Every structure is written in structure tokens, then in C-alpha cells.
């Protein structure tokens, strides 16, 4: 029993063999997959996969690197598209100052729009943050003061202090295949101490394939390798960790229980 809390089943590298990828994931014990949207042009395809596959759900959102290209996607449009029952979250959203592909002010406005939609719909947000810890933490804190909302920090690569801040706000932390990389000691140190009731696992497929699959397109089935690594890192039983992180997934993304 495993949940891949973040994958891109409609991206090149997966989409061309989507059905085979899904079957391989199921064969490895993956019982839930969250198909993530990053731009409006993807929404229909991402949702169609979720409507067709009973163990796949979808998000609706705009990646921070796409903020400049989506000035008209605000709270109302997010809420409208989130009414579909297979949509279980909003995002991925957040801040990315690494590539600077969108204006920082526009990214921040988009991030806040997703949060406002999360409050209105009761859906959690999926947060991407890269080289933007300080601003991400500040916005989450400020917005939480306006009314609570839930969410997950996806593909965690930030500092231990940021993890603690996110946990204090009630967020979950999702660990990707990066944790298996030899040079990921800081992430491993944080992952080893995260509370089990706030831990999720993801592949971010087709990116970030874990050891022993590095160099290949990522697949949801590879979440099993990341889970096995995490269990050993944390000194926990692998089956227990897999089941608990899957339970956490369904707790956070509550619509998946419907």
C-alpha cells in the first residue's frame, strides 16, 4: 500500500506509455497517485486521466514558473475548476526564484490566489518552493493568519528550519527520490526526523528517479524505492511506513476517500 503524492502522468516521458506506467506502479503496490497540473492548458488532460483511472486523482493549478503566462487565472477560475470531484488539491503553486522564469511579484500574487481558493474550497495546496524559503514561509504565515488552510511542501529540498516552520503551520512534508542521492545529506537528516503523521512520499515523475533508477524517466512505481530507502534511514518497518504515508495522503487529500 503506497501513495505517490505528486507525479505528472501527462508529461513527456510518461504520457507515451501511460497505461504501462500505471500497471507497473500497481504491480509494486501503489494504490493512489496524484496527477499534478502546472499550467491551464494541462488541466483537461490531467483531469481526464483522473476520471478514467480509479486510483488517480488530479490537482488544478499554476506553477510559479508559469505565473507570467497566466495573469487571468485567479481565485474564481481556480474555484470553478476545483468543483470536479476528482480534483483533490490546488497547485502546484508557490515560489521559484531559482530560474526566475516569472516575475516574483506575479508569483506571489498567484500563490496567494491559490491559498484563497484553498480556503474557499477546503482543498489543500501543493507548494513548490525553490531558493525562496524566506518569502514562502512569510506568505504561508501571513495567509494562515487570515484563515486556516492545509497543504504539503512537495519535493522537499529546503532547510530543516523551514521544515519545522511548515510543520508548525500544520503542513505535511513530501519526500522525493532526491533523498536517495549520495549528496543529499541535509535532506536525509531532515527526512529522518520528520513526524510520521506528517510524512508523504512522491516521485515527481518523470523527474528525479531515485536510486537505483537514476538516469531513467521517473515513474510512480519508483515511490516504492524511495519508501524502502526512507524506512531504512528512519529505522522503521518498510510496510508500516508505506501504509502510514498512504494513510496520510488520504487524510490530507480528503476527497480521495469519497
C-alpha atoms as a PDB file:
ATOM      1  CA  UNK A   1       0.000   0.000   0.000  1.00  0.00           C
ATOM      2  CA  UNK A   2       1.787   3.084  -1.319  1.00  0.00           C
ATOM      3  CA  UNK A   3       0.720   6.562  -2.435  1.00  0.00           C
ATOM      4  CA  UNK A   4       2.626   8.691  -4.928  1.00  0.00           C
ATOM      5  CA  UNK A   5       1.592  12.118  -3.709  1.00  0.00           C
ATOM      6  CA  UNK A   6       2.984  14.023  -6.714  1.00  0.00           C
ATOM      7  CA  UNK A   7       3.510  12.889 -10.299  1.00  0.00           C
ATOM      8  CA  UNK A   8       2.991  14.237 -13.810  1.00  0.00           C
ATOM      9  CA  UNK A   9       1.346  11.448 -15.768  1.00  0.00           C
ATOM     10  CA  UNK A  10       0.707  13.702 -18.756  1.00  0.00           C
ATOM     11  CA  UNK A  11       4.316  14.817 -19.200  1.00  0.00           C
ATOM     12  CA  UNK A  12       6.645  13.588 -21.918  1.00  0.00           C
ATOM     13  CA  UNK A  13       8.487  10.542 -20.664  1.00  0.00           C
ATOM     14  CA  UNK A  14       5.366   9.088 -19.054  1.00  0.00           C
ATOM     15  CA  UNK A  15       2.416  10.003 -21.257  1.00  0.00           C
ATOM     16  CA  UNK A  16       3.643   7.999 -24.254  1.00  0.00           C
ATOM     17  CA  UNK A  17       3.317   4.798 -22.203  1.00  0.00           C
ATOM     18  CA  UNK A  18       0.909   5.987 -19.561  1.00  0.00           C
ATOM     19  CA  UNK A  19      -1.103   2.772 -19.247  1.00  0.00           C
ATOM     20  CA  UNK A  20       2.008   0.609 -18.931  1.00  0.00           C
ATOM     21  CA  UNK A  21       3.440   3.026 -16.352  1.00  0.00           C
ATOM     22  CA  UNK A  22       0.256   2.779 -14.296  1.00  0.00           C
ATOM     23  CA  UNK A  23       0.250  -1.011 -14.439  1.00  0.00           C
ATOM     24  CA  UNK A  24       3.888  -1.165 -13.326  1.00  0.00           C
ATOM     25  CA  UNK A  25       3.060   1.111 -10.393  1.00  0.00           C
ATOM     26  CA  UNK A  26       0.125  -1.052  -9.338  1.00  0.00           C
ATOM     27  CA  UNK A  27       2.306  -4.143  -9.542  1.00  0.00           C
ATOM     28  CA  UNK A  28       4.636  -2.561  -6.978  1.00  0.00           C
ATOM     29  CA  UNK A  29       1.829  -1.825  -4.535  1.00  0.00           C
ATOM     30  CA  UNK A  30       0.964   1.759  -5.474  1.00  0.00           C
ATOM     31  CA  UNK A  31      -2.718   2.244  -4.721  1.00  0.00           C
ATOM     32  CA  UNK A  32      -3.008   6.035  -5.142  1.00  0.00           C
ATOM     33  CA  UNK A  33      -1.408   8.593  -7.466  1.00  0.00           C
ATOM     34  CA  UNK A  34      -1.891  12.358  -7.607  1.00  0.00           C
ATOM     35  CA  UNK A  35      -1.573  13.785 -11.121  1.00  0.00           C
ATOM     36  CA  UNK A  36      -0.345  17.375 -10.816  1.00  0.00           C
ATOM     37  CA  UNK A  37      -1.159  20.301 -13.107  1.00  0.00           C
ATOM     38  CA  UNK A  38       1.307  23.131 -13.712  1.00  0.00           C
ATOM     39  CA  UNK A  39      -0.437  25.249 -16.395  1.00  0.00           C
ATOM     40  CA  UNK A  40      -4.008  25.814 -17.527  1.00  0.00           C
ATOM     41  CA  UNK A  41      -3.503  24.098 -20.876  1.00  0.00           C
ATOM     42  CA  UNK A  42      -2.872  20.837 -18.964  1.00  0.00           C
ATOM     43  CA  UNK A  43      -5.976  20.902 -16.804  1.00  0.00           C
ATOM     44  CA  UNK A  44      -8.289  18.976 -19.117  1.00  0.00           C
ATOM     45  CA  UNK A  45      -5.762  16.222 -19.831  1.00  0.00           C
ATOM     46  CA  UNK A  46      -4.715  15.864 -16.198  1.00  0.00           C
ATOM     47  CA  UNK A  47      -8.340  15.641 -15.141  1.00  0.00           C
ATOM     48  CA  UNK A  48      -9.217  13.198 -17.926  1.00  0.00           C
ATOM     49  CA  UNK A  49      -6.605  10.746 -16.659  1.00  0.00           C
ATOM     50  CA  UNK A  50      -8.023  11.015 -13.139  1.00  0.00           C
ATOM     51  CA  UNK A  51     -11.565  10.462 -14.394  1.00  0.00           C
ATOM     52  CA  UNK A  52     -10.508   7.375 -16.321  1.00  0.00           C
ATOM     53  CA  UNK A  53      -8.335   5.728 -13.647  1.00  0.00           C
ATOM     54  CA  UNK A  54      -9.924   4.985 -10.241  1.00  0.00           C
ATOM     55  CA  UNK A  55      -6.608   5.175  -8.359  1.00  0.00           C
ATOM     56  CA  UNK A  56      -5.543   8.507  -9.908  1.00  0.00           C
ATOM     57  CA  UNK A  57      -6.666  11.952  -8.745  1.00  0.00           C
ATOM     58  CA  UNK A  58      -5.877  15.445 -10.033  1.00  0.00           C
ATOM     59  CA  UNK A  59      -4.913  18.947  -8.975  1.00  0.00           C
ATOM     60  CA  UNK A  60      -5.700  22.242 -10.679  1.00  0.00           C
ATOM     61  CA  UNK A  61      -3.098  24.985 -10.521  1.00  0.00           C
ATOM     62  CA  UNK A  62      -0.378  27.172 -11.971  1.00  0.00           C
ATOM     63  CA  UNK A  63       3.313  26.509 -11.296  1.00  0.00           C
ATOM     64  CA  UNK A  64       5.200  29.621 -10.153  1.00  0.00           C
ATOM     65  CA  UNK A  65       7.364  29.469 -13.270  1.00  0.00           C
ATOM     66  CA  UNK A  66       4.139  29.796 -15.300  1.00  0.00           C
ATOM     67  CA  UNK A  67       2.739  32.770 -13.380  1.00  0.00           C
ATOM     68  CA  UNK A  68       3.632  35.359 -16.050  1.00  0.00           C
ATOM     69  CA  UNK A  69       1.805  33.318 -18.690  1.00  0.00           C
ATOM     70  CA  UNK A  70      -1.397  33.093 -16.627  1.00  0.00           C
ATOM     71  CA  UNK A  71      -2.309  36.599 -15.436  1.00  0.00           C
ATOM     72  CA  UNK A  72      -6.025  35.831 -15.704  1.00  0.00           C
ATOM     73  CA  UNK A  73      -6.049  32.662 -13.601  1.00  0.00           C
ATOM     74  CA  UNK A  74      -7.214  33.890 -10.226  1.00  0.00           C
ATOM     75  CA  UNK A  75      -9.324  32.727  -7.331  1.00  0.00           C
ATOM     76  CA  UNK A  76     -12.614  32.484  -9.218  1.00  0.00           C
ATOM     77  CA  UNK A  77     -11.248  30.327 -12.031  1.00  0.00           C
ATOM     78  CA  UNK A  78      -9.449  28.004  -9.627  1.00  0.00           C
ATOM     79  CA  UNK A  79     -12.613  27.564  -7.560  1.00  0.00           C
ATOM     80  CA  UNK A  80     -14.706  26.908 -10.654  1.00  0.00           C
ATOM     81  CA  UNK A  81     -12.461  24.135 -11.952  1.00  0.00           C
ATOM     82  CA  UNK A  82     -11.951  22.655  -8.490  1.00  0.00           C
ATOM     83  CA  UNK A  83     -15.630  21.717  -8.271  1.00  0.00           C
ATOM     84  CA  UNK A  84     -14.960  18.497 -10.180  1.00  0.00           C
ATOM     85  CA  UNK A  85     -14.827  15.681  -7.579  1.00  0.00           C
ATOM     86  CA  UNK A  86     -11.652  14.111  -8.989  1.00  0.00           C
ATOM     87  CA  UNK A  87      -9.829  17.377  -8.230  1.00  0.00           C
ATOM     88  CA  UNK A  88      -8.482  16.898  -4.707  1.00  0.00           C
ATOM     89  CA  UNK A  89      -5.969  19.742  -4.383  1.00  0.00           C
ATOM     90  CA  UNK A  90      -4.774  23.085  -5.752  1.00  0.00           C
ATOM     91  CA  UNK A  91      -1.357  23.564  -7.322  1.00  0.00           C
ATOM     92  CA  UNK A  92       1.313  23.112  -7.729  1.00  0.00           C
ATOM     93  CA  UNK A  93       1.800  26.681  -6.638  1.00  0.00           C
ATOM     94  CA  UNK A  94       4.414  28.554  -4.643  1.00  0.00           C
ATOM     95  CA  UNK A  95       7.618  30.436  -5.391  1.00  0.00           C
ATOM     96  CA  UNK A  96      10.619  29.615  -7.581  1.00  0.00           C
ATOM     97  CA  UNK A  97      13.447  32.155  -7.516  1.00  0.00           C
ATOM     98  CA  UNK A  98      15.982  29.724  -8.988  1.00  0.00           C
ATOM     99  CA  UNK A  99      15.087  30.078 -12.660  1.00  0.00           C
ATOM    100  CA  UNK A 100      13.375  33.497 -12.477  1.00  0.00           C
ATOM    101  CA  UNK A 101      11.038  32.473 -15.303  1.00  0.00           C
ATOM    102  CA  UNK A 102       8.233  34.609 -13.874  1.00  0.00           C
ATOM    103  CA  UNK A 103       8.225  37.927 -12.090  1.00  0.00           C
ATOM    104  CA  UNK A 104       8.466  37.470  -8.317  1.00  0.00           C
ATOM    105  CA  UNK A 105       5.529  39.771  -7.617  1.00  0.00           C
ATOM    106  CA  UNK A 106       3.395  37.835 -10.114  1.00  0.00           C
ATOM    107  CA  UNK A 107       4.444  34.541  -8.499  1.00  0.00           C
ATOM    108  CA  UNK A 108       3.482  35.829  -5.075  1.00  0.00           C
ATOM    109  CA  UNK A 109       0.085  37.024  -6.304  1.00  0.00           C
ATOM    110  CA  UNK A 110      -0.604  33.656  -7.910  1.00  0.00           C
ATOM    111  CA  UNK A 111       0.465  31.866  -4.735  1.00  0.00           C
ATOM    112  CA  UNK A 112      -1.941  33.944  -2.663  1.00  0.00           C
ATOM    113  CA  UNK A 113      -4.757  33.288  -5.153  1.00  0.00           C
ATOM    114  CA  UNK A 114      -4.282  29.534  -4.727  1.00  0.00           C
ATOM    115  CA  UNK A 115      -4.367  29.935  -0.959  1.00  0.00           C
ATOM    116  CA  UNK A 116      -7.575  31.979  -1.132  1.00  0.00           C
ATOM    117  CA  UNK A 117      -9.137  29.283  -3.325  1.00  0.00           C
ATOM    118  CA  UNK A 118      -7.990  26.648  -0.841  1.00  0.00           C
ATOM    119  CA  UNK A 119      -9.785  28.448   1.970  1.00  0.00           C
ATOM    120  CA  UNK A 120     -12.956  28.709  -0.095  1.00  0.00           C
ATOM    121  CA  UNK A 121     -12.984  25.099  -1.298  1.00  0.00           C
ATOM    122  CA  UNK A 122     -11.429  23.366   1.697  1.00  0.00           C
ATOM    123  CA  UNK A 123      -8.878  21.725  -0.620  1.00  0.00           C
ATOM    124  CA  UNK A 124      -5.176  21.565   0.322  1.00  0.00           C
ATOM    125  CA  UNK A 125      -2.472  23.343  -1.651  1.00  0.00           C
ATOM    126  CA  UNK A 126       0.607  21.691  -3.153  1.00  0.00           C
ATOM    127  CA  UNK A 127       3.549  24.036  -2.563  1.00  0.00           C
ATOM    128  CA  UNK A 128       6.682  24.276  -4.686  1.00  0.00           C
ATOM    129  CA  UNK A 129       9.489  26.347  -3.186  1.00  0.00           C
ATOM    130  CA  UNK A 130      12.979  26.718  -4.612  1.00  0.00           C
ATOM    131  CA  UNK A 131      15.517  29.294  -3.464  1.00  0.00           C
ATOM    132  CA  UNK A 132      12.586  31.147  -1.893  1.00  0.00           C
ATOM    133  CA  UNK A 133      12.340  29.816   1.646  1.00  0.00           C
ATOM    134  CA  UNK A 134      12.025  33.170   3.376  1.00  0.00           C
ATOM    135  CA  UNK A 135       9.241  34.519   1.175  1.00  0.00           C
ATOM    136  CA  UNK A 136       7.410  31.185   1.095  1.00  0.00           C
ATOM    137  CA  UNK A 137       7.427  30.974   4.879  1.00  0.00           C
ATOM    138  CA  UNK A 138       6.337  34.606   5.217  1.00  0.00           C
ATOM    139  CA  UNK A 139       3.389  34.231   2.823  1.00  0.00           C
ATOM    140  CA  UNK A 140       2.227  30.972   4.384  1.00  0.00           C
ATOM    141  CA  UNK A 141       2.372  32.523   7.850  1.00  0.00           C
ATOM    142  CA  UNK A 142       0.628  35.726   6.831  1.00  0.00           C
ATOM    143  CA  UNK A 143      -2.098  33.919   4.916  1.00  0.00           C
ATOM    144  CA  UNK A 144      -2.649  31.420   7.718  1.00  0.00           C
ATOM    145  CA  UNK A 145      -3.461  34.394   9.924  1.00  0.00           C
ATOM    146  CA  UNK A 146      -6.370  35.218   7.599  1.00  0.00           C
ATOM    147  CA  UNK A 147      -7.907  31.769   7.933  1.00  0.00           C
ATOM    148  CA  UNK A 148      -6.570  28.242   8.082  1.00  0.00           C
ATOM    149  CA  UNK A 149      -5.836  26.045   5.082  1.00  0.00           C
ATOM    150  CA  UNK A 150      -3.969  22.795   4.592  1.00  0.00           C
ATOM    151  CA  UNK A 151      -1.239  21.669   2.289  1.00  0.00           C
ATOM    152  CA  UNK A 152       2.037  19.939   1.582  1.00  0.00           C
ATOM    153  CA  UNK A 153       5.546  21.122   0.808  1.00  0.00           C
ATOM    154  CA  UNK A 154       6.267  18.951  -2.199  1.00  0.00           C
ATOM    155  CA  UNK A 155       9.668  17.585  -3.253  1.00  0.00           C
ATOM    156  CA  UNK A 156      11.267  18.850  -0.071  1.00  0.00           C
ATOM    157  CA  UNK A 157      14.745  20.332  -0.610  1.00  0.00           C
ATOM    158  CA  UNK A 158      14.674  23.216   1.873  1.00  0.00           C
ATOM    159  CA  UNK A 159      16.341  23.623   5.253  1.00  0.00           C
ATOM    160  CA  UNK A 160      15.443  21.829   8.443  1.00  0.00           C
ATOM    161  CA  UNK A 161      14.316  25.158   9.884  1.00  0.00           C
ATOM    162  CA  UNK A 162      11.864  25.617   7.020  1.00  0.00           C
ATOM    163  CA  UNK A 163      10.520  22.103   7.589  1.00  0.00           C
ATOM    164  CA  UNK A 164       9.925  22.934  11.242  1.00  0.00           C
ATOM    165  CA  UNK A 165       8.125  26.134  10.273  1.00  0.00           C
ATOM    166  CA  UNK A 166       5.892  24.309   7.792  1.00  0.00           C
ATOM    167  CA  UNK A 167       5.094  21.596  10.327  1.00  0.00           C
ATOM    168  CA  UNK A 168       4.180  24.241  12.914  1.00  0.00           C
ATOM    169  CA  UNK A 169       1.675  25.656  10.409  1.00  0.00           C
ATOM    170  CA  UNK A 170       0.105  22.211  10.078  1.00  0.00           C
ATOM    171  CA  UNK A 171       1.650  21.289   6.732  1.00  0.00           C
ATOM    172  CA  UNK A 172       2.803  17.912   5.505  1.00  0.00           C
ATOM    173  CA  UNK A 173       6.264  17.330   4.011  1.00  0.00           C
ATOM    174  CA  UNK A 174       6.666  15.196   0.892  1.00  0.00           C
ATOM    175  CA  UNK A 175       9.974  13.464   0.226  1.00  0.00           C
ATOM    176  CA  UNK A 176      11.034  12.649  -3.334  1.00  0.00           C
ATOM    177  CA  UNK A 177      13.686  10.387  -4.818  1.00  0.00           C
ATOM    178  CA  UNK A 178      16.270  13.100  -4.155  1.00  0.00           C
ATOM    179  CA  UNK A 179      16.588  11.680  -0.652  1.00  0.00           C
ATOM    180  CA  UNK A 180      18.300   8.602  -2.132  1.00  0.00           C
ATOM    181  CA  UNK A 181      21.045  10.658  -3.799  1.00  0.00           C
ATOM    182  CA  UNK A 182      24.521  10.427  -2.311  1.00  0.00           C
ATOM    183  CA  UNK A 183      24.893  14.201  -1.918  1.00  0.00           C
ATOM    184  CA  UNK A 184      21.530  14.717  -0.209  1.00  0.00           C
ATOM    185  CA  UNK A 185      22.763  14.517   3.391  1.00  0.00           C
ATOM    186  CA  UNK A 186      20.871  17.606   4.591  1.00  0.00           C
ATOM    187  CA  UNK A 187      17.594  16.299   3.169  1.00  0.00           C
ATOM    188  CA  UNK A 188      18.265  12.881   4.662  1.00  0.00           C
ATOM    189  CA  UNK A 189      18.863  14.439   8.089  1.00  0.00           C
ATOM    190  CA  UNK A 190      15.520  16.234   7.920  1.00  0.00           C
ATOM    191  CA  UNK A 191      13.640  13.249   6.487  1.00  0.00           C
ATOM    192  CA  UNK A 192      14.951  11.028   9.264  1.00  0.00           C
ATOM    193  CA  UNK A 193      13.288  13.152  11.952  1.00  0.00           C
ATOM    194  CA  UNK A 194      10.006  14.177  10.330  1.00  0.00           C
ATOM    195  CA  UNK A 195       6.978  13.060  12.361  1.00  0.00           C
ATOM    196  CA  UNK A 196       5.447  10.010  10.743  1.00  0.00           C
ATOM    197  CA  UNK A 197       1.970  11.549  10.781  1.00  0.00           C
ATOM    198  CA  UNK A 198       3.118  14.432   8.537  1.00  0.00           C
ATOM    199  CA  UNK A 199       5.191  12.453   6.035  1.00  0.00           C
ATOM    200  CA  UNK A 200       4.308  11.880   2.384  1.00  0.00           C
ATOM    201  CA  UNK A 201       6.314  10.271  -0.435  1.00  0.00           C
ATOM    202  CA  UNK A 202       6.369  11.237  -4.097  1.00  0.00           C
ATOM    203  CA  UNK A 203       8.175  10.629  -7.363  1.00  0.00           C
ATOM    204  CA  UNK A 204       7.629  13.932  -9.221  1.00  0.00           C
ATOM    205  CA  UNK A 205       7.676  11.617 -12.263  1.00  0.00           C
ATOM    206  CA  UNK A 206       9.019  11.834 -14.898  1.00  0.00           C
ATOM    207  CA  UNK A 207      11.702  13.714 -12.941  1.00  0.00           C
ATOM    208  CA  UNK A 208      14.049  12.763 -10.093  1.00  0.00           C
ATOM    209  CA  UNK A 209      14.137   8.997 -10.450  1.00  0.00           C
ATOM    210  CA  UNK A 210      15.579   7.555  -7.226  1.00  0.00           C
ATOM    211  CA  UNK A 211      18.500   5.186  -6.876  1.00  0.00           C
ATOM    212  CA  UNK A 212      18.659   2.596  -8.446  1.00  0.00           C
ATOM    213  CA  UNK A 213      16.837   4.181 -11.416  1.00  0.00           C
ATOM    214  CA  UNK A 214      18.823   7.409 -11.827  1.00  0.00           C
ATOM    215  CA  UNK A 215      19.133   8.485 -15.450  1.00  0.00           C
ATOM    216  CA  UNK A 216      15.765   6.990 -16.383  1.00  0.00           C
ATOM    217  CA  UNK A 217      12.407   8.778 -16.638  1.00  0.00           C
ATOM    218  CA  UNK A 218      10.719   8.622 -13.266  1.00  0.00           C
ATOM    219  CA  UNK A 219       7.568   6.551 -12.752  1.00  0.00           C
ATOM    220  CA  UNK A 220       5.046   6.342  -9.890  1.00  0.00           C
ATOM    221  CA  UNK A 221       6.191   2.783  -9.227  1.00  0.00           C
ATOM    222  CA  UNK A 222       9.553   4.132  -8.130  1.00  0.00           C
ATOM    223  CA  UNK A 223       7.891   5.502  -4.989  1.00  0.00           C
ATOM    224  CA  UNK A 224       8.482   2.001  -3.619  1.00  0.00           C
ATOM    225  CA  UNK A 225      12.256   2.514  -3.841  1.00  0.00           C
ATOM    226  CA  UNK A 226      12.064   5.862  -2.067  1.00  0.00           C
ATOM    227  CA  UNK A 227       9.846   4.349   0.625  1.00  0.00           C
ATOM    228  CA  UNK A 228      12.301   1.490   1.191  1.00  0.00           C
ATOM    229  CA  UNK A 229      15.198   3.938   1.478  1.00  0.00           C
ATOM    230  CA  UNK A 230      13.253   6.142   3.893  1.00  0.00           C
ATOM    231  CA  UNK A 231      12.290   3.211   6.088  1.00  0.00           C
ATOM    232  CA  UNK A 232      15.924   2.165   6.411  1.00  0.00           C
ATOM    233  CA  UNK A 233      17.012   5.764   7.024  1.00  0.00           C
ATOM    234  CA  UNK A 234      14.429   6.175   9.783  1.00  0.00           C
ATOM    235  CA  UNK A 235      14.880   2.706  11.282  1.00  0.00           C
ATOM    236  CA  UNK A 236      11.252   1.806  10.627  1.00  0.00           C
ATOM    237  CA  UNK A 237       9.461  -1.175   9.147  1.00  0.00           C
ATOM    238  CA  UNK A 238       9.043  -0.628   5.397  1.00  0.00           C
ATOM    239  CA  UNK A 239       5.473  -1.906   5.199  1.00  0.00           C
ATOM    240  CA  UNK A 240       4.409   0.205   8.159  1.00  0.00           C
ATOM    241  CA  UNK A 241       5.962   3.341   6.682  1.00  0.00           C
ATOM    242  CA  UNK A 242       4.334   2.672   3.308  1.00  0.00           C
ATOM    243  CA  UNK A 243       0.907   2.174   4.858  1.00  0.00           C
ATOM    244  CA  UNK A 244       1.196   5.189   7.162  1.00  0.00           C
ATOM    245  CA  UNK A 245       2.288   7.570   4.390  1.00  0.00           C
ATOM    246  CA  UNK A 246      -0.572   6.304   2.227  1.00  0.00           C
ATOM    247  CA  UNK A 247      -2.971   6.964   5.103  1.00  0.00           C
ATOM    248  CA  UNK A 248      -1.507  10.469   5.452  1.00  0.00           C
ATOM    249  CA  UNK A 249      -2.121  11.033   1.752  1.00  0.00           C
ATOM    250  CA  UNK A 250      -5.804  10.202   2.083  1.00  0.00           C
ATOM    251  CA  UNK A 251      -6.078  12.301   5.232  1.00  0.00           C
ATOM    252  CA  UNK A 252      -4.638  15.406   3.577  1.00  0.00           C
ATOM    253  CA  UNK A 253      -6.373  14.896   0.230  1.00  0.00           C
ATOM    254  CA  UNK A 254      -9.670  14.005   1.872  1.00  0.00           C
ATOM    255  CA  UNK A 255     -11.686  13.899  -1.353  1.00  0.00           C
ATOM    256  CA  UNK A 256      -9.812  10.740  -2.292  1.00  0.00           C
ATOM    257  CA  UNK A 257     -11.871   8.913   0.346  1.00  0.00           C
ATOM    258  CA  UNK A 258     -15.143   9.678  -1.417  1.00  0.00           C
END
